[in-house]
Full PDB file with SEQRES, HELIX, SHEET, SSBOND, CRYST1, ORIGX, SCALE, CONECT and MASTER records, all heavy atoms in Angstrom:
SEQRES   1 A   34  GLN LYS LYS TRP GLU ASP ILE SER LEU GLU GLU HIS ILE          
SEQRES   2 A   34  LYS MET ARG MET ASP GLU GLY MET THR LYS LYS GLU ALA          
SEQRES   3 A   34  VAL LYS ALA VAL ALA GLU GLU ARG                              
HELIX    1 AA1 LYS A    2  TRP A    4  5                                   3    
HELIX    2 AA2 LEU A    9  ASP A   18  1                                  10    
HELIX    3 AA3 LYS A   23  GLU A   33  1                                  11    
CRYST1    1.000    1.000    1.000  90.00  90.00  90.00 P 1           1          
ORIGX1      1.000000  0.000000  0.000000        0.00000                         
ORIGX2      0.000000  1.000000  0.000000        0.00000                         
ORIGX3      0.000000  0.000000  1.000000        0.00000                         
SCALE1      1.000000  0.000000  0.000000        0.00000                         
SCALE2      0.000000  1.000000  0.000000        0.00000                         
SCALE3      0.000000  0.000000  1.000000        0.00000                         
ATOM      1  N   GLN A   1      95.262  97.939 166.033  1.00  0.00           N  
ATOM      2  CA  GLN A   1      95.818  97.432 164.780  1.00  0.00           C  
ATOM      3  C   GLN A   1      97.248  96.923 164.954  1.00  0.00           C  
ATOM      4  O   GLN A   1      97.646  95.931 164.337  1.00  0.00           O  
ATOM      5  CB  GLN A   1      95.766  98.532 163.711  1.00  0.00           C  
ATOM      6  CG  GLN A   1      94.342  98.854 163.256  1.00  0.00           C  
ATOM      7  CD  GLN A   1      94.219 100.187 162.561  1.00  0.00           C  
ATOM      8  OE1 GLN A   1      95.224 100.805 162.190  1.00  0.00           O  
ATOM      9  NE2 GLN A   1      92.987 100.660 162.377  1.00  0.00           N  
ATOM     10  N   LYS A   2      98.007  97.578 165.838  1.00  0.00           N  
ATOM     11  CA  LYS A   2      99.399  97.163 166.054  1.00  0.00           C  
ATOM     12  C   LYS A   2      99.486  95.779 166.688  1.00  0.00           C  
ATOM     13  O   LYS A   2     100.500  95.090 166.538  1.00  0.00           O  
ATOM     14  CB  LYS A   2     100.107  98.188 166.942  1.00  0.00           C  
ATOM     15  CG  LYS A   2     100.552  99.435 166.193  1.00  0.00           C  
ATOM     16  CD  LYS A   2     101.329 100.371 167.111  1.00  0.00           C  
ATOM     17  CE  LYS A   2     101.817 101.595 166.326  1.00  0.00           C  
ATOM     18  NZ  LYS A   2     102.541 102.536 167.213  1.00  0.00           N  
ATOM     19  N   LYS A   3      98.428  95.384 167.396  1.00  0.00           N  
ATOM     20  CA  LYS A   3      98.445  94.074 168.053  1.00  0.00           C  
ATOM     21  C   LYS A   3      98.569  92.940 167.043  1.00  0.00           C  
ATOM     22  O   LYS A   3      99.001  91.839 167.378  1.00  0.00           O  
ATOM     23  CB  LYS A   3      97.159  93.878 168.874  1.00  0.00           C  
ATOM     24  CG  LYS A   3      97.068  94.748 170.100  1.00  0.00           C  
ATOM     25  CD  LYS A   3      95.992  94.268 171.061  1.00  0.00           C  
ATOM     26  CE  LYS A   3      94.644  94.155 170.414  1.00  0.00           C  
ATOM     27  NZ  LYS A   3      93.557  93.859 171.399  1.00  0.00           N  
ATOM     28  N   TRP A   4      98.165  93.200 165.776  1.00  0.00           N  
ATOM     29  CA  TRP A   4      98.125  92.131 164.784  1.00  0.00           C  
ATOM     30  C   TRP A   4      99.356  92.137 163.872  1.00  0.00           C  
ATOM     31  O   TRP A   4      99.450  91.319 162.958  1.00  0.00           O  
ATOM     32  CB  TRP A   4      96.868  92.271 163.931  1.00  0.00           C  
ATOM     33  CG  TRP A   4      95.611  92.272 164.749  1.00  0.00           C  
ATOM     34  CD1 TRP A   4      94.795  93.330 164.988  1.00  0.00           C  
ATOM     35  CD2 TRP A   4      95.063  91.174 165.479  1.00  0.00           C  
ATOM     36  NE1 TRP A   4      93.764  92.973 165.801  1.00  0.00           N  
ATOM     37  CE2 TRP A   4      93.903  91.647 166.128  1.00  0.00           C  
ATOM     38  CE3 TRP A   4      95.436  89.844 165.636  1.00  0.00           C  
ATOM     39  CZ2 TRP A   4      93.114  90.826 166.924  1.00  0.00           C  
ATOM     40  CZ3 TRP A   4      94.656  89.023 166.427  1.00  0.00           C  
ATOM     41  CH2 TRP A   4      93.505  89.512 167.065  1.00  0.00           C  
ATOM     42  N   GLU A   5     100.310  93.021 164.149  1.00  0.00           N  
ATOM     43  CA  GLU A   5     101.464  93.128 163.258  1.00  0.00           C  
ATOM     44  C   GLU A   5     102.366  91.899 163.303  1.00  0.00           C  
ATOM     45  O   GLU A   5     103.117  91.631 162.368  1.00  0.00           O  
ATOM     46  CB  GLU A   5     102.276  94.382 163.602  1.00  0.00           C  
ATOM     47  CG  GLU A   5     101.570  95.685 163.221  1.00  0.00           C  
ATOM     48  CD  GLU A   5     102.399  96.911 163.565  1.00  0.00           C  
ATOM     49  OE1 GLU A   5     103.471  96.739 164.204  1.00  0.00           O  
ATOM     50  OE2 GLU A   5     101.992  98.024 163.194  1.00  0.00           O  
ATOM     51  N   ASP A   6     102.307  91.159 164.413  1.00  0.00           N  
ATOM     52  CA  ASP A   6     103.219  90.024 164.582  1.00  0.00           C  
ATOM     53  C   ASP A   6     102.700  88.728 163.955  1.00  0.00           C  
ATOM     54  O   ASP A   6     103.395  87.711 163.975  1.00  0.00           O  
ATOM     55  CB  ASP A   6     103.497  89.786 166.068  1.00  0.00           C  
ATOM     56  CG  ASP A   6     104.280  90.923 166.689  1.00  0.00           C  
ATOM     57  OD1 ASP A   6     105.002  91.614 165.949  1.00  0.00           O  
ATOM     58  OD2 ASP A   6     104.158  91.128 167.913  1.00  0.00           O  
ATOM     59  N   ILE A   7     101.465  88.739 163.434  1.00  0.00           N  
ATOM     60  CA  ILE A   7     100.969  87.535 162.758  1.00  0.00           C  
ATOM     61  C   ILE A   7     100.540  87.904 161.335  1.00  0.00           C  
ATOM     62  O   ILE A   7     100.139  89.036 161.066  1.00  0.00           O  
ATOM     63  CB  ILE A   7      99.796  86.874 163.522  1.00  0.00           C  
ATOM     64  CG1 ILE A   7      98.559  87.782 163.520  1.00  0.00           C  
ATOM     65  CG2 ILE A   7     100.198  86.517 164.940  1.00  0.00           C  
ATOM     66  CD1 ILE A   7      97.332  87.092 164.088  1.00  0.00           C  
ATOM     67  N   SER A   8     100.604  86.939 160.465  1.00  0.00           N  
ATOM     68  CA  SER A   8     100.261  87.186 159.056  1.00  0.00           C  
ATOM     69  C   SER A   8      98.750  87.272 158.879  1.00  0.00           C  
ATOM     70  O   SER A   8      97.984  86.870 159.758  1.00  0.00           O  
ATOM     71  CB  SER A   8     100.815  86.059 158.184  1.00  0.00           C  
ATOM     72  OG  SER A   8     100.126  84.847 158.461  1.00  0.00           O  
ATOM     73  N   LEU A   9      98.344  87.775 157.722  1.00  0.00           N  
ATOM     74  CA  LEU A   9      96.919  87.840 157.404  1.00  0.00           C  
ATOM     75  C   LEU A   9      96.308  86.440 157.413  1.00  0.00           C  
ATOM     76  O   LEU A   9      95.206  86.234 157.931  1.00  0.00           O  
ATOM     77  CB  LEU A   9      96.717  88.480 156.030  1.00  0.00           C  
ATOM     78  CG  LEU A   9      96.633  90.012 155.974  1.00  0.00           C  
ATOM     79  CD1 LEU A   9      96.599  90.476 154.523  1.00  0.00           C  
ATOM     80  CD2 LEU A   9      95.405  90.495 156.709  1.00  0.00           C  
ATOM     81  N   GLU A  10      97.034  85.484 156.836  1.00  0.00           N  
ATOM     82  CA  GLU A  10      96.523  84.130 156.775  1.00  0.00           C  
ATOM     83  C   GLU A  10      96.293  83.555 158.182  1.00  0.00           C  
ATOM     84  O   GLU A  10      95.268  82.926 158.458  1.00  0.00           O  
ATOM     85  CB  GLU A  10      97.491  83.228 155.994  1.00  0.00           C  
ATOM     86  CG  GLU A  10      97.562  83.521 154.493  1.00  0.00           C  
ATOM     87  CD  GLU A  10      98.456  84.719 154.176  1.00  0.00           C  
ATOM     88  OE1 GLU A  10      99.095  85.248 155.112  1.00  0.00           O  
ATOM     89  OE2 GLU A  10      98.508  85.121 153.010  1.00  0.00           O  
ATOM     90  N   GLU A  11      97.258  83.793 159.071  1.00  0.00           N  
ATOM     91  CA  GLU A  11      97.137  83.299 160.446  1.00  0.00           C  
ATOM     92  C   GLU A  11      95.966  83.971 161.169  1.00  0.00           C  
ATOM     93  O   GLU A  11      95.245  83.329 161.937  1.00  0.00           O  
ATOM     94  CB  GLU A  11      98.434  83.552 161.213  1.00  0.00           C  
ATOM     95  CG  GLU A  11      99.602  82.695 160.753  1.00  0.00           C  
ATOM     96  CD  GLU A  11     100.907  83.125 161.393  1.00  0.00           C  
ATOM     97  OE1 GLU A  11     101.107  84.348 161.614  1.00  0.00           O  
ATOM     98  OE2 GLU A  11     101.742  82.243 161.670  1.00  0.00           O  
ATOM     99  N   HIS A  12      95.806  85.264 160.903  1.00  0.00           N  
ATOM    100  CA  HIS A  12      94.727  86.028 161.526  1.00  0.00           C  
ATOM    101  C   HIS A  12      93.361  85.499 161.073  1.00  0.00           C  
ATOM    102  O   HIS A  12      92.450  85.276 161.884  1.00  0.00           O  
ATOM    103  CB  HIS A  12      94.885  87.503 161.162  1.00  0.00           C  
ATOM    104  CG  HIS A  12      94.077  88.430 162.013  1.00  0.00           C  
ATOM    105  ND1 HIS A  12      94.274  89.790 162.017  1.00  0.00           N  
ATOM    106  CD2 HIS A  12      93.051  88.216 162.881  1.00  0.00           C  
ATOM    107  CE1 HIS A  12      93.420  90.363 162.858  1.00  0.00           C  
ATOM    108  NE2 HIS A  12      92.663  89.418 163.382  1.00  0.00           N  
ATOM    109  N   ILE A  13      93.231  85.256 159.775  1.00  0.00           N  
ATOM    110  CA  ILE A  13      91.972  84.733 159.226  1.00  0.00           C  
ATOM    111  C   ILE A  13      91.680  83.349 159.803  1.00  0.00           C  
ATOM    112  O   ILE A  13      90.561  83.052 160.226  1.00  0.00           O  
ATOM    113  CB  ILE A  13      92.038  84.654 157.685  1.00  0.00           C  
ATOM    114  CG1 ILE A  13      92.172  86.059 157.089  1.00  0.00           C  
ATOM    115  CG2 ILE A  13      90.792  83.961 157.127  1.00  0.00           C  
ATOM    116  CD1 ILE A  13      92.606  86.069 155.635  1.00  0.00           C  
ATOM    117  N   LYS A  14      92.715  82.499 159.853  1.00  0.00           N  
ATOM    118  CA  LYS A  14      92.543  81.143 160.374  1.00  0.00           C  
ATOM    119  C   LYS A  14      92.118  81.171 161.849  1.00  0.00           C  
ATOM    120  O   LYS A  14      91.279  80.376 162.289  1.00  0.00           O  
ATOM    121  CB  LYS A  14      93.843  80.359 160.213  1.00  0.00           C  
ATOM    122  CG  LYS A  14      93.691  78.871 160.552  1.00  0.00           C  
ATOM    123  CD  LYS A  14      94.957  78.111 160.229  1.00  0.00           C  
ATOM    124  CE  LYS A  14      94.758  76.613 160.458  1.00  0.00           C  
ATOM    125  NZ  LYS A  14      94.312  76.279 161.818  1.00  0.00           N  
ATOM    126  N   MET A  15      92.682  82.116 162.613  1.00  0.00           N  
ATOM    127  CA  MET A  15      92.325  82.240 164.022  1.00  0.00           C  
ATOM    128  C   MET A  15      90.833  82.494 164.178  1.00  0.00           C  
ATOM    129  O   MET A  15      90.154  81.891 165.013  1.00  0.00           O  
ATOM    130  CB  MET A  15      93.117  83.394 164.657  1.00  0.00           C  
ATOM    131  CG  MET A  15      92.824  83.620 166.140  1.00  0.00           C  
ATOM    132  SD  MET A  15      93.508  85.200 166.740  1.00  0.00           S  
ATOM    133  CE  MET A  15      95.233  85.001 166.341  1.00  0.00           C  
ATOM    134  N   ARG A  16      90.310  83.419 163.372  1.00  0.00           N  
ATOM    135  CA  ARG A  16      88.888  83.750 163.456  1.00  0.00           C  
ATOM    136  C   ARG A  16      88.022  82.588 162.956  1.00  0.00           C  
ATOM    137  O   ARG A  16      86.952  82.316 163.510  1.00  0.00           O  
ATOM    138  CB  ARG A  16      88.596  85.031 162.643  1.00  0.00           C  
ATOM    139  CG  ARG A  16      89.223  86.282 163.230  1.00  0.00           C  
ATOM    140  CD  ARG A  16      88.593  86.617 164.565  1.00  0.00           C  
ATOM    141  NE  ARG A  16      89.267  87.714 165.243  1.00  0.00           N  
ATOM    142  CZ  ARG A  16      89.876  87.585 166.406  1.00  0.00           C  
ATOM    143  NH1 ARG A  16      89.909  86.410 167.017  1.00  0.00           N  
ATOM    144  NH2 ARG A  16      90.452  88.623 166.974  1.00  0.00           N  
ATOM    145  N   MET A  17      88.469  81.895 161.929  1.00  0.00           N  
ATOM    146  CA  MET A  17      87.693  80.745 161.429  1.00  0.00           C  
ATOM    147  C   MET A  17      87.704  79.608 162.448  1.00  0.00           C  
ATOM    148  O   MET A  17      86.701  78.895 162.603  1.00  0.00           O  
ATOM    149  CB  MET A  17      88.250  80.281 160.079  1.00  0.00           C  
ATOM    150  CG  MET A  17      87.996  81.285 158.953  1.00  0.00           C  
ATOM    151  SD  MET A  17      88.735  80.788 157.381  1.00  0.00           S  
ATOM    152  CE  MET A  17      87.763  79.324 156.996  1.00  0.00           C  
ATOM    153  N   ASP A  18      88.812  79.433 163.164  1.00  0.00           N  
ATOM    154  CA  ASP A  18      88.880  78.406 164.214  1.00  0.00           C  
ATOM    155  C   ASP A  18      87.914  78.710 165.358  1.00  0.00           C  
ATOM    156  O   ASP A  18      87.531  77.814 166.114  1.00  0.00           O  
ATOM    157  CB  ASP A  18      90.307  78.300 164.759  1.00  0.00           C  
ATOM    158  CG  ASP A  18      91.262  77.645 163.753  1.00  0.00           C  
ATOM    159  OD1 ASP A  18      90.763  77.026 162.795  1.00  0.00           O  
ATOM    160  OD2 ASP A  18      92.488  77.782 163.926  1.00  0.00           O  
ATOM    161  N   GLU A  19      87.548  79.992 165.485  1.00  0.00           N  
ATOM    162  CA  GLU A  19      86.588  80.400 166.518  1.00  0.00           C  
ATOM    163  C   GLU A  19      85.147  80.144 166.084  1.00  0.00           C  
ATOM    164  O   GLU A  19      84.211  80.374 166.850  1.00  0.00           O  
ATOM    165  CB  GLU A  19      86.762  81.879 166.853  1.00  0.00           C  
ATOM    166  CG  GLU A  19      88.096  82.197 167.539  1.00  0.00           C  
ATOM    167  CD  GLU A  19      88.349  83.685 167.680  1.00  0.00           C  
ATOM    168  OE1 GLU A  19      87.567  84.494 167.113  1.00  0.00           O  
ATOM    169  OE2 GLU A  19      89.340  84.052 168.347  1.00  0.00           O  
ATOM    170  N   GLY A  20      84.965  79.711 164.830  1.00  0.00           N  
ATOM    171  CA  GLY A  20      83.626  79.376 164.364  1.00  0.00           C  
ATOM    172  C   GLY A  20      83.087  80.298 163.286  1.00  0.00           C  
ATOM    173  O   GLY A  20      81.953  80.124 162.825  1.00  0.00           O  
ATOM    174  N   MET A  21      83.876  81.296 162.881  1.00  0.00           N  
ATOM    175  CA  MET A  21      83.411  82.203 161.829  1.00  0.00           C  
ATOM    176  C   MET A  21      83.508  81.527 160.463  1.00  0.00           C  
ATOM    177  O   MET A  21      84.384  80.680 160.226  1.00  0.00           O  
ATOM    178  CB  MET A  21      84.251  83.484 161.795  1.00  0.00           C  
ATOM    179  CG  MET A  21      84.045  84.408 162.972  1.00  0.00           C  
ATOM    180  SD  MET A  21      84.984  85.955 162.715  1.00  0.00           S  
ATOM    181  CE  MET A  21      84.615  86.831 164.230  1.00  0.00           C  
ATOM    182  N   THR A  22      82.604  81.930 159.548  1.00  0.00           N  
ATOM    183  CA  THR A  22      82.747  81.514 158.152  1.00  0.00           C  
ATOM    184  C   THR A  22      83.894  82.334 157.564  1.00  0.00           C  
ATOM    185  O   THR A  22      84.357  83.318 158.157  1.00  0.00           O  
ATOM    186  CB  THR A  22      81.464  81.798 157.360  1.00  0.00           C  
ATOM    187  OG1 THR A  22      81.248  83.217 157.323  1.00  0.00           O  
ATOM    188  CG2 THR A  22      80.261  81.106 157.995  1.00  0.00           C  
ATOM    189  N   LYS A  23      84.347  81.925 156.378  1.00  0.00           N  
ATOM    190  CA  LYS A  23      85.439  82.660 155.748  1.00  0.00           C  
ATOM    191  C   LYS A  23      85.034  84.110 155.474  1.00  0.00           C  
ATOM    192  O   LYS A  23      85.816  85.045 155.689  1.00  0.00           O  
ATOM    193  CB  LYS A  23      85.864  81.979 154.447  1.00  0.00           C  
ATOM    194  CG  LYS A  23      87.091  82.627 153.809  1.00  0.00           C  
ATOM    195  CD  LYS A  23      87.555  81.894 152.567  1.00  0.00           C  
ATOM    196  CE  LYS A  23      88.202  80.575 152.913  1.00  0.00           C  
ATOM    197  NZ  LYS A  23      88.856  79.939 151.747  1.00  0.00           N  
ATOM    198  N   LYS A  24      83.794  84.305 155.064  1.00  0.00           N  
ATOM    199  CA  LYS A  24      83.305  85.655 154.775  1.00  0.00           C  
ATOM    200  C   LYS A  24      83.297  86.520 156.047  1.00  0.00           C  
ATOM    201  O   LYS A  24      83.711  87.681 156.033  1.00  0.00           O  
ATOM    202  CB  LYS A  24      81.896  85.588 154.185  1.00  0.00           C  
ATOM    203  CG  LYS A  24      81.320  86.935 153.792  1.00  0.00           C  
ATOM    204  CD  LYS A  24      79.937  86.770 153.168  1.00  0.00           C  
ATOM    205  CE  LYS A  24      79.364  88.136 152.785  1.00  0.00           C  
ATOM    206  NZ  LYS A  24      77.998  87.997 152.183  1.00  0.00           N  
ATOM    207  N   GLU A  25      82.815  85.913 157.133  1.00  0.00           N  
ATOM    208  CA  GLU A  25      82.773  86.639 158.409  1.00  0.00           C  
ATOM    209  C   GLU A  25      84.179  86.948 158.907  1.00  0.00           C  
ATOM    210  O   GLU A  25      84.449  88.030 159.442  1.00  0.00           O  
ATOM    211  CB  GLU A  25      82.036  85.807 159.457  1.00  0.00           C  
ATOM    212  CG  GLU A  25      80.538  85.692 159.208  1.00  0.00           C  
ATOM    213  CD  GLU A  25      79.879  84.654 160.110  1.00  0.00           C  
ATOM    214  OE1 GLU A  25      80.603  83.773 160.645  1.00  0.00           O  
ATOM    215  OE2 GLU A  25      78.646  84.718 160.276  1.00  0.00           O  
ATOM    216  N   ALA A  26      85.098  85.996 158.724  1.00  0.00           N  
ATOM    217  CA  ALA A  26      86.472  86.186 159.166  1.00  0.00           C  
ATOM    218  C   ALA A  26      87.148  87.302 158.387  1.00  0.00           C  
ATOM    219  O   ALA A  26      87.889  88.111 158.951  1.00  0.00           O  
ATOM    220  CB  ALA A  26      87.256  84.883 159.014  1.00  0.00           C  
ATOM    221  N   VAL A  27      86.899  87.358 157.080  1.00  0.00           N  
ATOM    222  CA  VAL A  27      87.476  88.423 156.242  1.00  0.00           C  
ATOM    223  C   VAL A  27      87.016  89.792 156.743  1.00  0.00           C  
ATOM    224  O   VAL A  27      87.812  90.723 156.881  1.00  0.00           O  
ATOM    225  CB  VAL A  27      87.079  88.219 154.765  1.00  0.00           C  
ATOM    226  CG1 VAL A  27      87.391  89.473 153.947  1.00  0.00           C  
ATOM    227  CG2 VAL A  27      87.814  87.015 154.186  1.00  0.00           C  
ATOM    228  N   LYS A  28      85.738  89.913 157.013  1.00  0.00           N  
ATOM    229  CA  LYS A  28      85.197  91.187 157.496  1.00  0.00           C  
ATOM    230  C   LYS A  28      85.803  91.569 158.848  1.00  0.00           C  
ATOM    231  O   LYS A  28      86.207  92.722 159.061  1.00  0.00           O  
ATOM    232  CB  LYS A  28      83.677  91.088 157.616  1.00  0.00           C  
ATOM    233  CG  LYS A  28      83.027  92.385 158.073  1.00  0.00           C  
ATOM    234  CD  LYS A  28      81.504  92.233 158.181  1.00  0.00           C  
ATOM    235  CE  LYS A  28      80.869  93.541 158.667  1.00  0.00           C  
ATOM    236  NZ  LYS A  28      79.400  93.394 158.827  1.00  0.00           N  
ATOM    237  N   ALA A  29      85.888  90.592 159.760  1.00  0.00           N  
ATOM    238  CA  ALA A  29      86.414  90.858 161.095  1.00  0.00           C  
ATOM    239  C   ALA A  29      87.881  91.268 161.033  1.00  0.00           C  
ATOM    240  O   ALA A  29      88.302  92.233 161.686  1.00  0.00           O  
ATOM    241  CB  ALA A  29      86.251  89.626 161.978  1.00  0.00           C  
ATOM    242  N   VAL A  30      88.667  90.562 160.256  1.00  0.00           N  
ATOM    243  CA  VAL A  30      90.104  90.848 160.152  1.00  0.00           C  
ATOM    244  C   VAL A  30      90.338  92.227 159.531  1.00  0.00           C  
ATOM    245  O   VAL A  30      91.219  92.979 159.957  1.00  0.00           O  
ATOM    246  CB  VAL A  30      90.818  89.745 159.347  1.00  0.00           C  
ATOM    247  CG1 VAL A  30      92.253  90.154 159.013  1.00  0.00           C  
ATOM    248  CG2 VAL A  30      90.805  88.444 160.142  1.00  0.00           C  
ATOM    249  N   ALA A  31      89.541  92.546 158.518  1.00  0.00           N  
ATOM    250  CA  ALA A  31      89.678  93.867 157.885  1.00  0.00           C  
ATOM    251  C   ALA A  31      89.417  94.981 158.893  1.00  0.00           C  
ATOM    252  O   ALA A  31      90.135  95.989 158.939  1.00  0.00           O  
ATOM    253  CB  ALA A  31      88.709  93.980 156.707  1.00  0.00           C  
ATOM    254  N   GLU A  32      88.388  94.805 159.707  1.00  0.00           N  
ATOM    255  CA  GLU A  32      88.065  95.814 160.715  1.00  0.00           C  
ATOM    256  C   GLU A  32      89.149  95.900 161.788  1.00  0.00           C  
ATOM    257  O   GLU A  32      89.546  96.987 162.206  1.00  0.00           O  
ATOM    258  CB  GLU A  32      86.721  95.489 161.367  1.00  0.00           C  
ATOM    259  CG  GLU A  32      85.525  95.696 160.449  1.00  0.00           C  
ATOM    260  CD  GLU A  32      84.221  95.286 161.098  1.00  0.00           C  
ATOM    261  OE1 GLU A  32      84.254  94.715 162.216  1.00  0.00           O  
ATOM    262  OE2 GLU A  32      83.151  95.524 160.487  1.00  0.00           O  
ATOM    263  N   GLU A  33      89.648  94.749 162.221  1.00  0.00           N  
ATOM    264  CA  GLU A  33      90.644  94.722 163.290  1.00  0.00           C  
ATOM    265  C   GLU A  33      91.973  95.317 162.844  1.00  0.00           C  
ATOM    266  O   GLU A  33      92.679  95.946 163.633  1.00  0.00           O  
ATOM    267  CB  GLU A  33      90.835  93.292 163.787  1.00  0.00           C  
ATOM    268  CG  GLU A  33      89.638  92.783 164.583  1.00  0.00           C  
ATOM    269  CD  GLU A  33      89.639  91.293 164.790  1.00  0.00           C  
ATOM    270  OE1 GLU A  33      90.488  90.596 164.194  1.00  0.00           O  
ATOM    271  OE2 GLU A  33      88.784  90.809 165.551  1.00  0.00           O  
ATOM    272  N   ARG A  34      92.316  95.134 161.579  1.00  0.00           N  
ATOM    273  CA  ARG A  34      93.584  95.648 161.074  1.00  0.00           C  
ATOM    274  C   ARG A  34      93.455  97.026 160.440  1.00  0.00           C  
ATOM    275  O   ARG A  34      94.467  97.685 160.185  1.00  0.00           O  
ATOM    276  CB  ARG A  34      94.174  94.673 160.044  1.00  0.00           C  
ATOM    277  CG  ARG A  34      94.717  93.391 160.660  1.00  0.00           C  
ATOM    278  CD  ARG A  34      95.280  92.474 159.604  1.00  0.00           C  
ATOM    279  NE  ARG A  34      95.914  91.310 160.169  1.00  0.00           N  
ATOM    280  CZ  ARG A  34      97.245  91.123 160.294  1.00  0.00           C  
ATOM    281  NH1 ARG A  34      98.066  92.062 159.869  1.00  0.00           N  
ATOM    282  NH2 ARG A  34      97.726  90.022 160.830  1.00  0.00           N  
TER     283      ARG A  34                                                      
MASTER        0    0    0    3    0    0    0    6  282    1    0    3          
END                                                                             
């Protein structure tokens, strides 16, 4: 979880969506990672 402290939630979500995730999938992944 500490690995993600240096980027914002928005940046984190965008990173996962750029990898091909839908917004719903990205929200779930980011919540778990943080």
